[in-house]
Each structure stands twice: as structure tokens, then as C-alpha cells.
Amino acid sequence: MAALRPRLVAAAALAVAYVALTMAIAAGMFENLDKQVQQGMSSLWSEALHPVFQTIAELGGLELTTLLMIALAIFLLSRGFGADVWVVLVFIAAQVLEVLYKANLHHPGPPATVAHTDGPSITELVAGSGPLANSFPSGHMVRAVIAYGLIAFVVQRLAPRPLARTLAIPIATALIVLLAFDRLYLDVHWESDVLGGLLLGAIGLLAGTIWLDRPRASEN
């Protein structure tokens, strides 16, 4: 258990940071910075690249990330790690928290006059109006950090090939960074939304790795 203490401390610190960020956003402290980042991204816009970034958006879509978590659960089951499958609850819990925050924290996303069409997803059916139209935190970032982070963690531990173990975390990190840029480039989220999604996703990821590395009965 002592080996897990640094991750427990890190998760607690990230939770405090997330709450502090939420309070700062509710107080309007990020409005100027959000708009400055959005204006900077708008200056980089190229219509020719729009389809590319719509495709990148699918990396954090509910559909793909859910399929990846199901695939991870099947893989763990096939390798005899039945109890480890419960790690998917971290993904589900993070989605619940995301919805609760969007339903209760008034923080509309970038206006339609500047936002570009996002990648197609079932979440677009409920995100356009009502309380879920609020944009904090970015669900794409929450899902991506947890899904790709957990897959990288498992691959690094269980993959038979050294190259796969070596590349797992760098590839997952690159995908998450790319998706974060995508959220800002398409102007579908403020930078504070992306930061919130990264923090909430990181908390979930740490919780998941703690479960996967929990002390086993045979080790007692």
C-alpha cells in the first residue's frame, strides 16, 4: 500500500486543484484568458483543415472511448484479471461527474458565431441546449485521459513486446495533447474547459491505476 501513497496524494492534490478551478470559473476569473486563447486559435483557422480536426475529435468521442473501455475490459478478462474489469467504473463515474458539473455550473461554451462544427457524436443531441449546453469540463478530454491513459498503463504492464511497453505512454500522451489542441482549434471549448477536463480525467486515471495496482490477497 505504501507504493500507492504517492498516487493517492497526487489524486487528492488534483481534486483540490479541480475544485479551485471550478470556483475560479464560477467567479468569472478565466473569462479574459479564455477569450484571448480563443482569439489566438481563430487566427490559426484554415477551412481546409476542418475535416481533419473533426476526425481528430472522434478520438475523445463517447462512442470510440466507450468501445475502447469495453475492449480493455474484455482483454483483462481474457488474461484472468476478472476483478480488474471494475476499473471501467472510473470511466463511468467520470462521465457522471461531467454531466453533473455541466448541469449545475453556468459556463456556456464559445458562441456559435465563432465555434466550428465538431466531430459527429451522439452527445451533440443533448449538448446544444438546456443545462447540458454548459461546457465545463470538456467531456472529450475527460474520456481521452482516462481511456488512453488506462490502456497505456495496461499495455506497459502486460504487453509481451518491449517496444509496445516503451511507446504506450508517449503515444497516449500525444493523442491527449492532440485532442486538447483540437478542442481549442475548433473553438468548441474554452481553454478552462480543456484544463478542467484534463484535471478530472487525471483524477480518474490515477484512481484507475490505484485499483489496478491494489494489493492482492496472495501478496498479504
Protein backbone atom coordinates (compact mmCIF):
# COMPACT_ATOMS: atom_id res chain seq x y z
CA MET A 1 0.00 0.00 0.00
CA ALA A 2 2.91 2.33 0.68
CA ALA A 3 3.82 2.20 -3.02
CA LEU A 4 0.42 3.64 -3.87
CA ARG A 5 0.68 6.55 -1.44
CA PRO A 6 2.24 9.00 -3.96
CA ARG A 7 -0.65 8.38 -6.35
CA LEU A 8 -3.19 8.84 -3.58
CA VAL A 9 -1.56 12.14 -2.64
CA ALA A 10 -1.44 13.20 -6.29
CA ALA A 11 -5.12 12.37 -6.78
CA ALA A 12 -6.03 14.41 -3.69
CA ALA A 13 -3.93 17.35 -4.90
CA LEU A 14 -5.57 17.22 -8.33
CA ALA A 15 -9.01 17.11 -6.70
CA VAL A 16 -8.19 20.27 -4.75
CA ALA A 17 -6.92 21.91 -7.95
CA TYR A 18 -10.09 20.91 -9.77
CA VAL A 19 -12.33 22.37 -7.09
CA ALA A 20 -10.25 25.56 -7.05
CA LEU A 21 -10.53 25.81 -10.84
CA THR A 22 -14.29 25.32 -10.64
CA MET A 23 -14.59 28.11 -8.09
CA ALA A 24 -12.42 30.41 -10.19
CA ILE A 25 -14.52 29.77 -13.29
CA ALA A 26 -17.75 30.34 -11.35
CA ALA A 27 -16.30 33.68 -10.22
CA GLY A 28 -15.51 34.66 -13.81
CA MET A 29 -11.76 34.75 -13.27
CA PHE A 30 -11.00 32.92 -16.52
CA GLU A 31 -13.17 34.97 -18.88
CA ASN A 32 -10.40 37.21 -20.23
CA LEU A 33 -7.88 34.39 -20.64
CA ASP A 34 -10.49 32.17 -22.29
CA LYS A 35 -11.27 34.86 -24.85
CA GLN A 36 -7.61 35.60 -25.52
CA VAL A 37 -6.86 31.94 -26.22
CA GLN A 38 -9.96 31.65 -28.41
CA GLN A 39 -8.94 34.68 -30.45
CA GLY A 40 -5.46 33.27 -30.88
CA MET A 41 -6.86 29.98 -32.13
CA SER A 42 -9.22 31.74 -34.51
CA SER A 43 -6.23 33.42 -36.14
CA LEU A 44 -4.85 29.95 -36.98
CA TRP A 45 -8.06 28.72 -38.61
CA SER A 46 -7.92 27.05 -42.01
CA GLU A 47 -11.13 25.76 -43.55
CA ALA A 48 -9.16 23.12 -45.46
CA LEU A 49 -8.12 21.52 -42.16
CA HIS A 50 -11.65 21.43 -40.74
CA PRO A 51 -12.37 17.80 -41.75
CA VAL A 52 -9.02 16.73 -40.28
CA PHE A 53 -9.82 18.20 -36.90
CA GLN A 54 -13.36 16.85 -36.98
CA THR A 55 -11.80 13.41 -37.39
CA ILE A 56 -9.37 14.06 -34.53
CA ALA A 57 -12.36 14.97 -32.37
CA GLU A 58 -13.58 11.39 -32.66
CA LEU A 59 -10.61 10.32 -30.51
CA GLY A 60 -12.45 11.69 -27.48
CA GLY A 61 -15.96 10.92 -28.61
CA LEU A 62 -18.26 8.95 -26.34
CA GLU A 63 -18.61 6.22 -28.95
CA LEU A 64 -14.93 5.43 -29.53
CA THR A 65 -13.80 5.80 -25.92
CA THR A 66 -16.64 3.57 -24.72
CA LEU A 67 -15.64 0.90 -27.23
CA LEU A 68 -12.03 1.17 -26.09
CA MET A 69 -13.03 0.70 -22.45
CA ILE A 70 -15.13 -2.33 -23.37
CA ALA A 71 -12.15 -3.74 -25.30
CA LEU A 72 -9.93 -3.13 -22.27
CA ALA A 73 -12.38 -4.97 -20.02
CA ILE A 74 -12.52 -7.92 -22.44
CA PHE A 75 -8.73 -8.02 -22.59
CA LEU A 76 -8.41 -8.04 -18.80
CA LEU A 77 -10.98 -10.82 -18.56
CA SER A 78 -9.16 -12.87 -21.17
CA ARG A 79 -5.93 -12.55 -19.21
CA GLY A 80 -7.54 -13.75 -15.98
CA PHE A 81 -7.83 -10.35 -14.27
CA GLY A 82 -11.53 -10.58 -13.57
CA ALA A 83 -11.70 -8.13 -10.66
CA ASP A 84 -9.64 -5.58 -12.59
CA VAL A 85 -12.52 -5.17 -15.02
CA TRP A 86 -14.18 -2.97 -12.38
CA VAL A 87 -11.74 -0.26 -13.44
CA VAL A 88 -14.31 0.70 -16.10
CA LEU A 89 -16.39 2.18 -13.28
CA VAL A 90 -13.85 5.00 -13.13
CA PHE A 91 -14.76 5.90 -16.71
CA ILE A 92 -18.48 5.79 -15.91
CA ALA A 93 -18.11 7.81 -12.70
CA ALA A 94 -16.15 10.50 -14.53
CA GLN A 95 -18.93 10.76 -17.12
CA VAL A 96 -21.49 11.19 -14.34
CA LEU A 97 -19.42 13.95 -12.73
CA GLU A 98 -19.00 15.68 -16.07
CA VAL A 99 -22.76 15.75 -16.61
CA LEU A 100 -23.39 16.98 -13.05
CA TYR A 101 -20.94 19.83 -13.48
CA LYS A 102 -22.41 20.85 -16.82
CA ALA A 103 -25.91 20.75 -15.36
CA ASN A 104 -25.03 22.89 -12.35
CA LEU A 105 -22.19 25.24 -13.34
CA HIS A 106 -23.27 28.06 -15.64
CA HIS A 107 -20.41 28.28 -18.11
CA PRO A 108 -21.57 28.47 -21.74
CA GLY A 109 -19.08 27.46 -24.38
CA PRO A 110 -17.79 29.69 -27.17
CA PRO A 111 -20.67 31.34 -29.07
CA ALA A 112 -21.96 29.77 -32.27
CA THR A 113 -20.58 32.73 -34.21
CA VAL A 114 -17.01 31.54 -33.56
CA ALA A 115 -17.39 27.79 -32.94
CA HIS A 116 -16.88 25.39 -35.81
CA THR A 117 -18.74 22.14 -36.44
CA ASP A 118 -17.45 19.44 -34.13
CA GLY A 119 -16.94 15.80 -34.98
CA PRO A 120 -20.23 13.85 -35.14
CA SER A 121 -21.30 12.27 -31.86
CA ILE A 122 -24.46 11.24 -30.06
CA THR A 123 -23.55 13.75 -27.33
CA GLU A 124 -24.37 16.56 -29.77
CA LEU A 125 -28.04 15.65 -29.40
CA VAL A 126 -28.09 16.86 -25.78
CA ALA A 127 -25.31 19.42 -25.76
CA GLY A 128 -26.91 22.09 -27.93
CA SER A 129 -29.47 23.41 -25.47
CA GLY A 130 -30.65 23.20 -21.89
CA PRO A 131 -28.40 22.80 -18.83
CA LEU A 132 -26.04 20.40 -20.63
CA ALA A 133 -25.16 23.19 -23.06
CA ASN A 134 -22.64 24.37 -20.48
CA SER A 135 -19.12 23.44 -21.49
CA PHE A 136 -17.14 22.83 -18.28
CA PRO A 137 -15.43 20.41 -18.19
CA SER A 138 -14.61 19.12 -21.66
CA GLY A 139 -16.05 15.61 -21.86
CA HIS A 140 -13.73 14.75 -24.72
CA MET A 141 -10.72 15.44 -22.52
CA VAL A 142 -12.12 13.56 -19.53
CA ARG A 143 -12.79 10.49 -21.62
CA ALA A 144 -9.50 10.64 -23.53
CA VAL A 145 -7.29 10.94 -20.45
CA ILE A 146 -8.98 8.00 -18.74
CA ALA A 147 -9.36 5.71 -21.76
CA TYR A 148 -5.95 6.23 -23.36
CA GLY A 149 -4.22 6.54 -20.02
CA LEU A 150 -5.58 3.25 -18.71
CA ILE A 151 -4.85 1.45 -21.97
CA ALA A 152 -1.28 2.73 -21.90
CA PHE A 153 -0.94 1.67 -18.27
CA VAL A 154 -2.12 -1.87 -19.03
CA VAL A 155 -0.02 -2.16 -22.18
CA GLN A 156 3.07 -1.02 -20.30
CA ARG A 157 2.48 -3.70 -17.69
CA LEU A 158 1.30 -6.63 -19.82
CA ALA A 159 2.42 -6.21 -23.43
CA PRO A 160 4.83 -9.00 -24.47
CA ARG A 161 6.86 -6.75 -26.77
CA PRO A 162 9.29 -4.23 -25.21
CA LEU A 163 8.61 -1.71 -27.99
CA ALA A 164 4.90 -1.67 -27.17
CA ARG A 165 5.65 -1.12 -23.50
CA THR A 166 8.06 1.69 -24.35
CA LEU A 167 5.72 3.51 -26.72
CA ALA A 168 2.47 3.10 -24.77
CA ILE A 169 2.69 6.21 -22.60
CA PRO A 170 4.25 8.53 -25.25
CA ILE A 171 1.54 7.58 -27.77
CA ALA A 172 -1.26 8.07 -25.22
CA THR A 173 0.21 11.43 -24.22
CA ALA A 174 0.48 12.54 -27.86
CA LEU A 175 -3.16 11.61 -28.51
CA ILE A 176 -4.34 13.54 -25.45
CA VAL A 177 -2.31 16.64 -26.37
CA LEU A 178 -3.57 16.47 -29.96
CA LEU A 179 -7.16 16.27 -28.77
CA ALA A 180 -6.65 19.20 -26.38
CA PHE A 181 -5.41 21.31 -29.29
CA ASP A 182 -8.36 20.08 -31.37
CA ARG A 183 -10.87 21.30 -28.78
CA LEU A 184 -9.36 24.77 -28.92
CA TYR A 185 -8.74 24.82 -32.67
CA LEU A 186 -12.40 24.04 -33.43
CA ASP A 187 -13.41 26.69 -30.85
CA VAL A 188 -15.87 24.28 -29.27
CA HIS A 189 -14.37 24.73 -25.80
CA TRP A 190 -12.63 27.41 -23.79
CA GLU A 191 -9.15 26.64 -22.53
CA SER A 192 -10.56 26.49 -19.00
CA ASP A 193 -12.88 23.67 -20.13
CA VAL A 194 -9.93 21.76 -21.55
CA LEU A 195 -7.94 22.28 -18.35
CA GLY A 196 -10.88 21.09 -16.28
CA GLY A 197 -11.27 18.01 -18.45
CA LEU A 198 -7.58 17.21 -18.09
CA LEU A 199 -7.75 17.53 -14.31
CA LEU A 200 -10.92 15.46 -13.89
CA GLY A 201 -9.58 12.86 -16.32
CA ALA A 202 -6.27 12.70 -14.47
CA ILE A 203 -8.07 12.12 -11.18
CA GLY A 204 -10.00 9.27 -12.75
CA LEU A 205 -6.86 7.85 -14.34
CA LEU A 206 -4.99 7.84 -11.04
CA ALA A 207 -7.96 6.18 -9.32
CA GLY A 208 -7.98 3.53 -12.02
CA THR A 209 -4.27 2.78 -11.73
CA ILE A 210 -4.57 2.59 -7.96
CA TRP A 211 -7.26 -0.06 -8.37
CA LEU A 212 -5.20 -1.99 -10.90
CA ASP A 213 -2.14 -1.89 -8.61
CA ARG A 214 -4.06 -2.60 -5.42
CA PRO A 215 -2.57 -5.17 -3.01
CA ARG A 216 -3.66 -8.68 -3.99
CA ALA A 217 -4.83 -11.25 -1.45
CA SER A 218 -1.97 -13.57 -2.38
CA GLU A 219 0.53 -10.81 -1.53
CA ASN A 220 -0.64 -10.45 2.07
